Amino acid sequence: MRARHEEIAEALRRAIDREEYAVGGRLPSETELAAQYAVSRGTVRQAVASLTAEGLIGSRQGARRVVLASRRSQSFAELRSFAQWARAMGREATGRVVEQEYRPATTEDAVRLQLPAGTEVLQVLRVRGLDGEPVLLERTVYADWISPAVESIEPDCPSVTQRLFEDTGLVFAYGEHVIDAVAAGAQDAELLGIRRTSPLLRVRRVTTTHEGRPVEWSDDRYRSDAVSFSVHNSIGNNALARKSVD
């Protein structure tokens, strides 16, 4: 028989999946949840700790817990965080910054991030891995207003999304993605441990806040033997999903 805190954790997961608590929204307080489920605050705290460990919710000192993702994080539109997706599969996400520099925004940066041309932005090249195996290169350009917070994050931080929430309260709310295929160049091949010209799945994405303010834009390149994308269609839903290749 499941412990009561496990039952409550599962009930909260289902509520998050149904968007009763939307990404970026706040959960009820511990007191409110304790009354709702007729348990002690300690039991609620155990349930909430499970969701925090899974990356579904985050908390900052003195603030109510915020929903960061759902188990429908297989839905590509919600896959802002590689680390959250990896945890949902029971895999360990790793990250390593290879290059990081400030530079003037190019015309493309300015358009995607809605900034004046020449604004100083932060460009980061990061290798991401599953269980220690490199599977993804992220070439990300961050808007000037969030760049200092990103720069201060340690190079091997597994989840930049989680850390930015903890440090600044930022919630990545919306993303636009363009997917195509490219051949691995010399740098891609070296960092991912593959042969040059090997096929890579490329996702170019722009992520914004709830208010529509661009936070970052990125050119992400996945090893095609490690990650694939699938589309599930229905009358009311057309969700694109990212999957690990076994």
C-alpha atoms as a PDB file:
ATOM      1  CA  MET A   1       0.000   0.000   0.000  1.00  0.00           C
ATOM      2  CA  ARG A   2       1.264   3.452  -0.900  1.00  0.00           C
ATOM      3  CA  ALA A   3       2.211   5.879   1.833  1.00  0.00           C
ATOM      4  CA  ARG A   4      -0.118   8.869   2.095  1.00  0.00           C
ATOM      5  CA  HIS A   5       2.526  11.341   0.919  1.00  0.00           C
ATOM      6  CA  GLU A   6       3.075   9.225  -2.217  1.00  0.00           C
ATOM      7  CA  GLU A   7      -0.661   9.304  -2.970  1.00  0.00           C
ATOM      8  CA  ILE A   8      -0.714  13.075  -2.577  1.00  0.00           C
ATOM      9  CA  ALA A   9       2.349  13.468  -4.772  1.00  0.00           C
ATOM     10  CA  GLU A  10       0.669  11.439  -7.520  1.00  0.00           C
ATOM     11  CA  ALA A  11      -2.536  13.465  -7.181  1.00  0.00           C
ATOM     12  CA  LEU A  12      -0.544  16.669  -7.584  1.00  0.00           C
ATOM     13  CA  ARG A  13       1.289  15.246 -10.617  1.00  0.00           C
ATOM     14  CA  ARG A  14      -2.038  14.464 -12.274  1.00  0.00           C
ATOM     15  CA  ALA A  15      -3.345  17.946 -11.448  1.00  0.00           C
ATOM     16  CA  ILE A  16      -0.252  19.486 -13.025  1.00  0.00           C
ATOM     17  CA  ASP A  17      -0.658  17.262 -16.097  1.00  0.00           C
ATOM     18  CA  ARG A  18      -4.277  18.449 -16.439  1.00  0.00           C
ATOM     19  CA  GLU A  19      -2.986  22.040 -16.153  1.00  0.00           C
ATOM     20  CA  GLU A  20      -5.022  22.695 -13.027  1.00  0.00           C
ATOM     21  CA  TYR A  21      -1.683  24.157 -11.920  1.00  0.00           C
ATOM     22  CA  ALA A  22      -0.141  25.582 -15.101  1.00  0.00           C
ATOM     23  CA  VAL A  23       3.566  26.002 -15.788  1.00  0.00           C
ATOM     24  CA  GLY A  24       4.575  29.280 -14.153  1.00  0.00           C
ATOM     25  CA  GLY A  25       1.636  29.110 -11.738  1.00  0.00           C
ATOM     26  CA  ARG A  26       1.823  28.600  -7.983  1.00  0.00           C
ATOM     27  CA  LEU A  27       0.745  25.617  -5.956  1.00  0.00           C
ATOM     28  CA  PRO A  28      -1.540  26.149  -2.962  1.00  0.00           C
ATOM     29  CA  SER A  29       0.259  26.680   0.325  1.00  0.00           C
ATOM     30  CA  GLU A  30       1.198  23.752   2.569  1.00  0.00           C
ATOM     31  CA  THR A  31      -1.652  24.709   4.915  1.00  0.00           C
ATOM     32  CA  GLU A  32      -4.167  24.717   2.050  1.00  0.00           C
ATOM     33  CA  LEU A  33      -2.935  21.382   0.704  1.00  0.00           C
ATOM     34  CA  ALA A  34      -2.978  19.845   4.177  1.00  0.00           C
ATOM     35  CA  ALA A  35      -6.623  20.873   4.561  1.00  0.00           C
ATOM     36  CA  GLN A  36      -7.486  19.670   1.052  1.00  0.00           C
ATOM     37  CA  TYR A  37      -6.059  16.194   1.646  1.00  0.00           C
ATOM     38  CA  ALA A  38      -6.819  16.014   5.394  1.00  0.00           C
ATOM     39  CA  VAL A  39      -3.211  15.371   6.392  1.00  0.00           C
ATOM     40  CA  SER A  40      -0.496  17.125   8.348  1.00  0.00           C
ATOM     41  CA  ARG A  41       1.748  19.776   6.804  1.00  0.00           C
ATOM     42  CA  GLY A  42       4.658  17.365   7.263  1.00  0.00           C
ATOM     43  CA  THR A  43       2.980  14.842   4.976  1.00  0.00           C
ATOM     44  CA  VAL A  44       2.360  17.557   2.381  1.00  0.00           C
ATOM     45  CA  ARG A  45       5.994  18.608   2.672  1.00  0.00           C
ATOM     46  CA  GLN A  46       7.113  15.059   1.846  1.00  0.00           C
ATOM     47  CA  ALA A  47       4.844  14.956  -1.209  1.00  0.00           C
ATOM     48  CA  VAL A  48       6.049  18.318  -2.456  1.00  0.00           C
ATOM     49  CA  ALA A  49       9.684  17.305  -1.929  1.00  0.00           C
ATOM     50  CA  SER A  50       9.158  14.434  -4.381  1.00  0.00           C
ATOM     51  CA  LEU A  51       7.880  16.800  -7.070  1.00  0.00           C
ATOM     52  CA  THR A  52      10.776  19.172  -6.435  1.00  0.00           C
ATOM     53  CA  ALA A  53      13.283  16.322  -6.857  1.00  0.00           C
ATOM     54  CA  GLU A  54      11.625  15.414 -10.171  1.00  0.00           C
ATOM     55  CA  GLY A  55      11.968  18.961 -11.461  1.00  0.00           C
ATOM     56  CA  LEU A  56       8.207  19.510 -11.702  1.00  0.00           C
ATOM     57  CA  ILE A  57       8.157  22.370  -9.223  1.00  0.00           C
ATOM     58  CA  GLY A  58      10.668  24.805  -7.782  1.00  0.00           C
ATOM     59  CA  SER A  59      10.795  26.947  -4.702  1.00  0.00           C
ATOM     60  CA  ARG A  60      12.578  30.026  -3.500  1.00  0.00           C
ATOM     61  CA  GLN A  61      12.970  30.958   0.133  1.00  0.00           C
ATOM     62  CA  GLY A  62       9.909  32.794   1.395  1.00  0.00           C
ATOM     63  CA  ALA A  63       7.882  32.199  -1.771  1.00  0.00           C
ATOM     64  CA  ARG A  64       5.159  29.742  -2.700  1.00  0.00           C
ATOM     65  CA  ARG A  65       6.226  26.833  -4.909  1.00  0.00           C
ATOM     66  CA  VAL A  66       5.994  27.381  -8.663  1.00  0.00           C
ATOM     67  CA  VAL A  67       5.238  24.770 -11.347  1.00  0.00           C
ATOM     68  CA  LEU A  68       8.234  24.436 -13.691  1.00  0.00           C
ATOM     69  CA  ALA A  69       7.114  21.529 -15.904  1.00  0.00           C
ATOM     70  CA  SER A  70       4.725  18.607 -16.121  1.00  0.00           C
ATOM     71  CA  ARG A  71       5.120  14.921 -16.879  1.00  0.00           C
ATOM     72  CA  ARG A  72       3.835  15.876 -20.286  1.00  0.00           C
ATOM     73  CA  SER A  73       7.333  17.276 -20.615  1.00  0.00           C
ATOM     74  CA  GLN A  74       7.553  14.702 -23.402  1.00  0.00           C
ATOM     75  CA  SER A  75       5.530  17.412 -25.156  1.00  0.00           C
ATOM     76  CA  PHE A  76       8.184  19.299 -27.088  1.00  0.00           C
ATOM     77  CA  ALA A  77       6.625  22.679 -26.401  1.00  0.00           C
ATOM     78  CA  GLU A  78       7.436  22.148 -22.715  1.00  0.00           C
ATOM     79  CA  LEU A  79      10.951  20.807 -23.211  1.00  0.00           C
ATOM     80  CA  ARG A  80      12.743  23.979 -22.257  1.00  0.00           C
ATOM     81  CA  SER A  81      14.837  21.995 -19.813  1.00  0.00           C
ATOM     82  CA  PHE A  82      16.944  19.100 -21.033  1.00  0.00           C
ATOM     83  CA  ALA A  83      17.539  18.139 -17.401  1.00  0.00           C
ATOM     84  CA  GLN A  84      13.812  17.891 -16.605  1.00  0.00           C
ATOM     85  CA  TRP A  85      13.272  15.684 -19.651  1.00  0.00           C
ATOM     86  CA  ALA A  86      16.197  13.424 -18.661  1.00  0.00           C
ATOM     87  CA  ARG A  87      14.885  13.043 -15.102  1.00  0.00           C
ATOM     88  CA  ALA A  88      11.455  12.074 -16.429  1.00  0.00           C
ATOM     89  CA  MET A  89      13.142   9.126 -18.192  1.00  0.00           C
ATOM     90  CA  GLY A  90      15.195   8.148 -15.145  1.00  0.00           C
ATOM     91  CA  ARG A  91      18.399   9.383 -16.797  1.00  0.00           C
ATOM     92  CA  GLU A  92      21.092  11.673 -15.406  1.00  0.00           C
ATOM     93  CA  ALA A  93      21.589  14.947 -17.273  1.00  0.00           C
ATOM     94  CA  THR A  94      25.019  16.533 -17.458  1.00  0.00           C
ATOM     95  CA  GLY A  95      26.187  19.838 -18.844  1.00  0.00           C
ATOM     96  CA  ARG A  96      29.515  21.480 -19.594  1.00  0.00           C
ATOM     97  CA  VAL A  97      30.234  24.970 -20.897  1.00  0.00           C
ATOM     98  CA  VAL A  98      32.865  24.844 -23.648  1.00  0.00           C
ATOM     99  CA  GLU A  99      32.854  28.501 -24.672  1.00  0.00           C
ATOM    100  CA  GLN A 100      31.267  31.623 -23.197  1.00  0.00           C
ATOM    101  CA  GLU A 101      31.692  35.200 -24.358  1.00  0.00           C
ATOM    102  CA  TYR A 102      30.009  38.574 -24.586  1.00  0.00           C
ATOM    103  CA  ARG A 103      29.698  40.049 -28.073  1.00  0.00           C
ATOM    104  CA  PRO A 104      27.585  42.601 -29.962  1.00  0.00           C
ATOM    105  CA  ALA A 105      24.219  41.264 -31.141  1.00  0.00           C
ATOM    106  CA  THR A 106      24.117  40.335 -34.802  1.00  0.00           C
ATOM    107  CA  THR A 107      21.140  41.210 -36.978  1.00  0.00           C
ATOM    108  CA  GLU A 108      19.745  37.720 -36.346  1.00  0.00           C
ATOM    109  CA  ASP A 109      20.228  38.079 -32.573  1.00  0.00           C
ATOM    110  CA  ALA A 110      18.521  41.463 -32.614  1.00  0.00           C
ATOM    111  CA  VAL A 111      15.497  40.134 -34.506  1.00  0.00           C
ATOM    112  CA  ARG A 112      15.082  36.983 -32.423  1.00  0.00           C
ATOM    113  CA  LEU A 113      15.670  38.671 -29.056  1.00  0.00           C
ATOM    114  CA  GLN A 114      13.934  41.945 -29.959  1.00  0.00           C
ATOM    115  CA  LEU A 115      16.991  43.999 -29.095  1.00  0.00           C
ATOM    116  CA  PRO A 116      18.712  46.935 -30.815  1.00  0.00           C
ATOM    117  CA  ALA A 117      21.473  45.756 -33.153  1.00  0.00           C
ATOM    118  CA  GLY A 118      24.845  45.839 -31.419  1.00  0.00           C
ATOM    119  CA  THR A 119      23.445  45.262 -27.911  1.00  0.00           C
ATOM    120  CA  GLU A 120      25.922  43.215 -25.865  1.00  0.00           C
ATOM    121  CA  VAL A 121      24.647  39.644 -25.508  1.00  0.00           C
ATOM    122  CA  LEU A 122      26.093  36.472 -23.980  1.00  0.00           C
ATOM    123  CA  GLN A 123      26.817  33.519 -26.270  1.00  0.00           C
ATOM    124  CA  VAL A 124      27.340  30.102 -24.672  1.00  0.00           C
ATOM    125  CA  LEU A 125      28.362  26.789 -26.243  1.00  0.00           C
ATOM    126  CA  ARG A 126      27.344  23.944 -23.971  1.00  0.00           C
ATOM    127  CA  VAL A 127      27.672  20.142 -24.300  1.00  0.00           C
ATOM    128  CA  ARG A 128      24.795  18.189 -22.766  1.00  0.00           C
ATOM    129  CA  GLY A 129      24.889  14.493 -21.919  1.00  0.00           C
ATOM    130  CA  LEU A 130      22.728  11.580 -20.819  1.00  0.00           C
ATOM    131  CA  ASP A 131      24.379   9.397 -18.179  1.00  0.00           C
ATOM    132  CA  GLY A 132      27.722  10.922 -19.117  1.00  0.00           C
ATOM    133  CA  GLU A 133      27.413  10.368 -22.878  1.00  0.00           C
ATOM    134  CA  PRO A 134      27.374  13.578 -24.986  1.00  0.00           C
ATOM    135  CA  VAL A 135      24.187  13.813 -27.055  1.00  0.00           C
ATOM    136  CA  LEU A 136      23.512  17.524 -27.579  1.00  0.00           C
ATOM    137  CA  LEU A 137      25.305  20.774 -28.383  1.00  0.00           C
ATOM    138  CA  GLU A 138      23.566  23.996 -27.371  1.00  0.00           C
ATOM    139  CA  ARG A 139      24.700  27.248 -28.969  1.00  0.00           C
ATOM    140  CA  THR A 140      22.651  29.746 -26.993  1.00  0.00           C
ATOM    141  CA  VAL A 141      22.504  33.540 -27.132  1.00  0.00           C
ATOM    142  CA  TYR A 142      21.041  35.215 -24.040  1.00  0.00           C
ATOM    143  CA  ALA A 143      19.409  38.641 -23.963  1.00  0.00           C
ATOM    144  CA  ASP A 144      21.370  41.388 -22.240  1.00  0.00           C
ATOM    145  CA  TRP A 145      18.988  41.636 -19.268  1.00  0.00           C
ATOM    146  CA  ILE A 146      19.460  37.977 -18.227  1.00  0.00           C
ATOM    147  CA  SER A 147      23.103  37.509 -19.303  1.00  0.00           C
ATOM    148  CA  PRO A 148      24.715  38.432 -15.945  1.00  0.00           C
ATOM    149  CA  ALA A 149      22.625  35.778 -14.144  1.00  0.00           C
ATOM    150  CA  VAL A 150      23.600  33.146 -16.723  1.00  0.00           C
ATOM    151  CA  GLU A 151      27.276  34.105 -16.573  1.00  0.00           C
ATOM    152  CA  SER A 152      27.373  33.510 -12.813  1.00  0.00           C
ATOM    153  CA  ILE A 153      26.153  29.893 -13.111  1.00  0.00           C
ATOM    154  CA  GLU A 154      28.849  27.240 -12.688  1.00  0.00           C
ATOM    155  CA  PRO A 155      30.013  25.684 -16.006  1.00  0.00           C
ATOM    156  CA  ASP A 156      28.849  22.146 -15.124  1.00  0.00           C
ATOM    157  CA  CYS A 157      25.355  23.096 -13.893  1.00  0.00           C
ATOM    158  CA  PRO A 158      22.968  20.336 -15.097  1.00  0.00           C
ATOM    159  CA  SER A 159      19.894  22.616 -15.365  1.00  0.00           C
ATOM    160  CA  VAL A 160      20.244  26.285 -16.276  1.00  0.00           C
ATOM    161  CA  THR A 161      16.444  26.576 -16.319  1.00  0.00           C
ATOM    162  CA  GLN A 162      16.199  25.439 -12.685  1.00  0.00           C
ATOM    163  CA  ARG A 163      19.103  27.621 -11.563  1.00  0.00           C
ATOM    164  CA  LEU A 164      17.695  30.760 -13.199  1.00  0.00           C
ATOM    165  CA  PHE A 165      14.399  30.160 -11.448  1.00  0.00           C
ATOM    166  CA  GLU A 166      16.113  29.687  -8.093  1.00  0.00           C
ATOM    167  CA  ASP A 167      18.357  32.746  -8.536  1.00  0.00           C
ATOM    168  CA  THR A 168      16.023  35.186 -10.284  1.00  0.00           C
ATOM    169  CA  GLY A 169      12.496  33.739 -10.279  1.00  0.00           C
ATOM    170  CA  LEU A 170      12.545  33.506 -14.085  1.00  0.00           C
ATOM    171  CA  VAL A 171      10.086  31.003 -15.580  1.00  0.00           C
ATOM    172  CA  PHE A 172      10.508  29.990 -19.232  1.00  0.00           C
ATOM    173  CA  ALA A 173       6.926  30.087 -20.488  1.00  0.00           C
ATOM    174  CA  TYR A 174       6.793  29.865 -24.292  1.00  0.00           C
ATOM    175  CA  GLY A 175       8.976  28.498 -27.048  1.00  0.00           C
ATOM    176  CA  GLU A 176       9.014  28.529 -30.832  1.00  0.00           C
ATOM    177  CA  HIS A 177      10.953  25.726 -32.528  1.00  0.00           C
ATOM    178  CA  VAL A 178      12.161  25.051 -36.050  1.00  0.00           C
ATOM    179  CA  ILE A 179      13.499  21.542 -36.710  1.00  0.00           C
ATOM    180  CA  ASP A 180      15.707  20.341 -39.561  1.00  0.00           C
ATOM    181  CA  ALA A 181      18.742  18.152 -40.233  1.00  0.00           C
ATOM    182  CA  VAL A 182      22.371  19.226 -40.683  1.00  0.00           C
ATOM    183  CA  ALA A 183      25.718  17.507 -41.137  1.00  0.00           C
ATOM    184  CA  ALA A 184      28.167  17.631 -38.231  1.00  0.00           C
ATOM    185  CA  GLY A 185      31.011  20.063 -38.724  1.00  0.00           C
ATOM    186  CA  ALA A 186      34.485  19.645 -37.267  1.00  0.00           C
ATOM    187  CA  GLN A 187      33.620  21.177 -33.878  1.00  0.00           C
ATOM    188  CA  ASP A 188      30.311  19.306 -33.623  1.00  0.00           C
ATOM    189  CA  ALA A 189      32.040  16.003 -34.404  1.00  0.00           C
ATOM    190  CA  GLU A 190      34.816  16.538 -31.872  1.00  0.00           C
ATOM    191  CA  LEU A 191      32.515  17.548 -28.998  1.00  0.00           C
ATOM    192  CA  LEU A 192      29.929  14.823 -29.626  1.00  0.00           C
ATOM    193  CA  GLY A 193      32.431  12.053 -30.361  1.00  0.00           C
ATOM    194  CA  ILE A 194      31.086  11.317 -33.839  1.00  0.00           C
ATOM    195  CA  ARG A 195      32.416  11.372 -37.400  1.00  0.00           C
ATOM    196  CA  ARG A 196      32.424  14.612 -39.336  1.00  0.00           C
ATOM    197  CA  THR A 197      29.374  14.944 -41.657  1.00  0.00           C
ATOM    198  CA  SER A 198      27.348  12.589 -39.409  1.00  0.00           C
ATOM    199  CA  PRO A 199      23.645  13.581 -39.429  1.00  0.00           C
ATOM    200  CA  LEU A 200      22.430  15.778 -36.576  1.00  0.00           C
ATOM    201  CA  LEU A 201      18.914  16.862 -35.663  1.00  0.00           C
ATOM    202  CA  ARG A 202      18.909  20.640 -35.335  1.00  0.00           C
ATOM    203  CA  VAL A 203      16.341  22.597 -33.319  1.00  0.00           C
ATOM    204  CA  ARG A 204      16.437  26.383 -33.511  1.00  0.00           C
ATOM    205  CA  ARG A 205      14.345  27.820 -30.712  1.00  0.00           C
ATOM    206  CA  VAL A 206      13.386  31.119 -29.137  1.00  0.00           C
ATOM    207  CA  THR A 207      12.167  31.055 -25.536  1.00  0.00           C
ATOM    208  CA  THR A 208      10.221  33.834 -23.851  1.00  0.00           C
ATOM    209  CA  THR A 209       8.693  34.788 -20.517  1.00  0.00           C
ATOM    210  CA  HIS A 210       4.947  34.753 -19.833  1.00  0.00           C
ATOM    211  CA  GLU A 211       4.870  38.359 -20.997  1.00  0.00           C
ATOM    212  CA  GLY A 212       6.453  37.399 -24.314  1.00  0.00           C
ATOM    213  CA  ARG A 213       9.858  38.919 -23.570  1.00  0.00           C
ATOM    214  CA  PRO A 214      12.596  36.897 -25.332  1.00  0.00           C
ATOM    215  CA  VAL A 215      15.088  35.338 -22.929  1.00  0.00           C
ATOM    216  CA  GLU A 216      17.289  33.313 -25.274  1.00  0.00           C
ATOM    217  CA  TRP A 217      17.570  31.859 -28.723  1.00  0.00           C
ATOM    218  CA  SER A 218      19.512  28.700 -29.435  1.00  0.00           C
ATOM    219  CA  ASP A 219      20.800  26.390 -32.149  1.00  0.00           C
ATOM    220  CA  ASP A 220      20.603  22.919 -30.562  1.00  0.00           C
ATOM    221  CA  ARG A 221      22.139  19.922 -32.341  1.00  0.00           C
ATOM    222  CA  TYR A 222      21.282  16.368 -31.246  1.00  0.00           C
ATOM    223  CA  ARG A 223      23.044  13.171 -32.151  1.00  0.00           C
ATOM    224  CA  SER A 224      20.534  11.347 -34.337  1.00  0.00           C
ATOM    225  CA  ASP A 225      21.496   7.977 -32.840  1.00  0.00           C
ATOM    226  CA  ALA A 226      20.631   9.205 -29.340  1.00  0.00           C
ATOM    227  CA  VAL A 227      17.513  11.363 -29.655  1.00  0.00           C
ATOM    228  CA  SER A 228      14.543  11.375 -32.027  1.00  0.00           C
ATOM    229  CA  PHE A 229      11.333  13.377 -32.340  1.00  0.00           C
ATOM    230  CA  SER A 230       7.839  12.009 -32.829  1.00  0.00           C
ATOM    231  CA  VAL A 231       4.495  13.633 -33.571  1.00  0.00           C
ATOM    232  CA  HIS A 232       1.220  12.431 -32.046  1.00  0.00           C
ATOM    233  CA  ASN A 233      -1.867  13.824 -33.755  1.00  0.00           C
ATOM    234  CA  SER A 234      -5.474  14.026 -32.642  1.00  0.00           C
ATOM    235  CA  ILE A 235      -8.382  16.362 -33.289  1.00  0.00           C
ATOM    236  CA  GLY A 236      -7.622  18.434 -30.232  1.00  0.00           C
ATOM    237  CA  ASN A 237      -3.901  17.957 -29.881  1.00  0.00           C
ATOM    238  CA  ASN A 238      -0.774  17.951 -32.017  1.00  0.00           C
ATOM    239  CA  ALA A 239       2.129  17.410 -29.669  1.00  0.00           C
ATOM    240  CA  LEU A 240       5.707  16.959 -30.803  1.00  0.00           C
ATOM    241  CA  ALA A 241       7.762  14.777 -28.503  1.00  0.00           C
ATOM    242  CA  ARG A 242      11.471  14.209 -27.962  1.00  0.00           C
ATOM    243  CA  LYS A 243      12.534  10.614 -27.290  1.00  0.00           C
ATOM    244  CA  SER A 244      15.736   8.820 -26.404  1.00  0.00           C
ATOM    245  CA  VAL A 245      16.896   6.295 -28.966  1.00  0.00           C
ATOM    246  CA  ASP A 246      17.647   2.927 -27.362  1.00  0.00           C
END
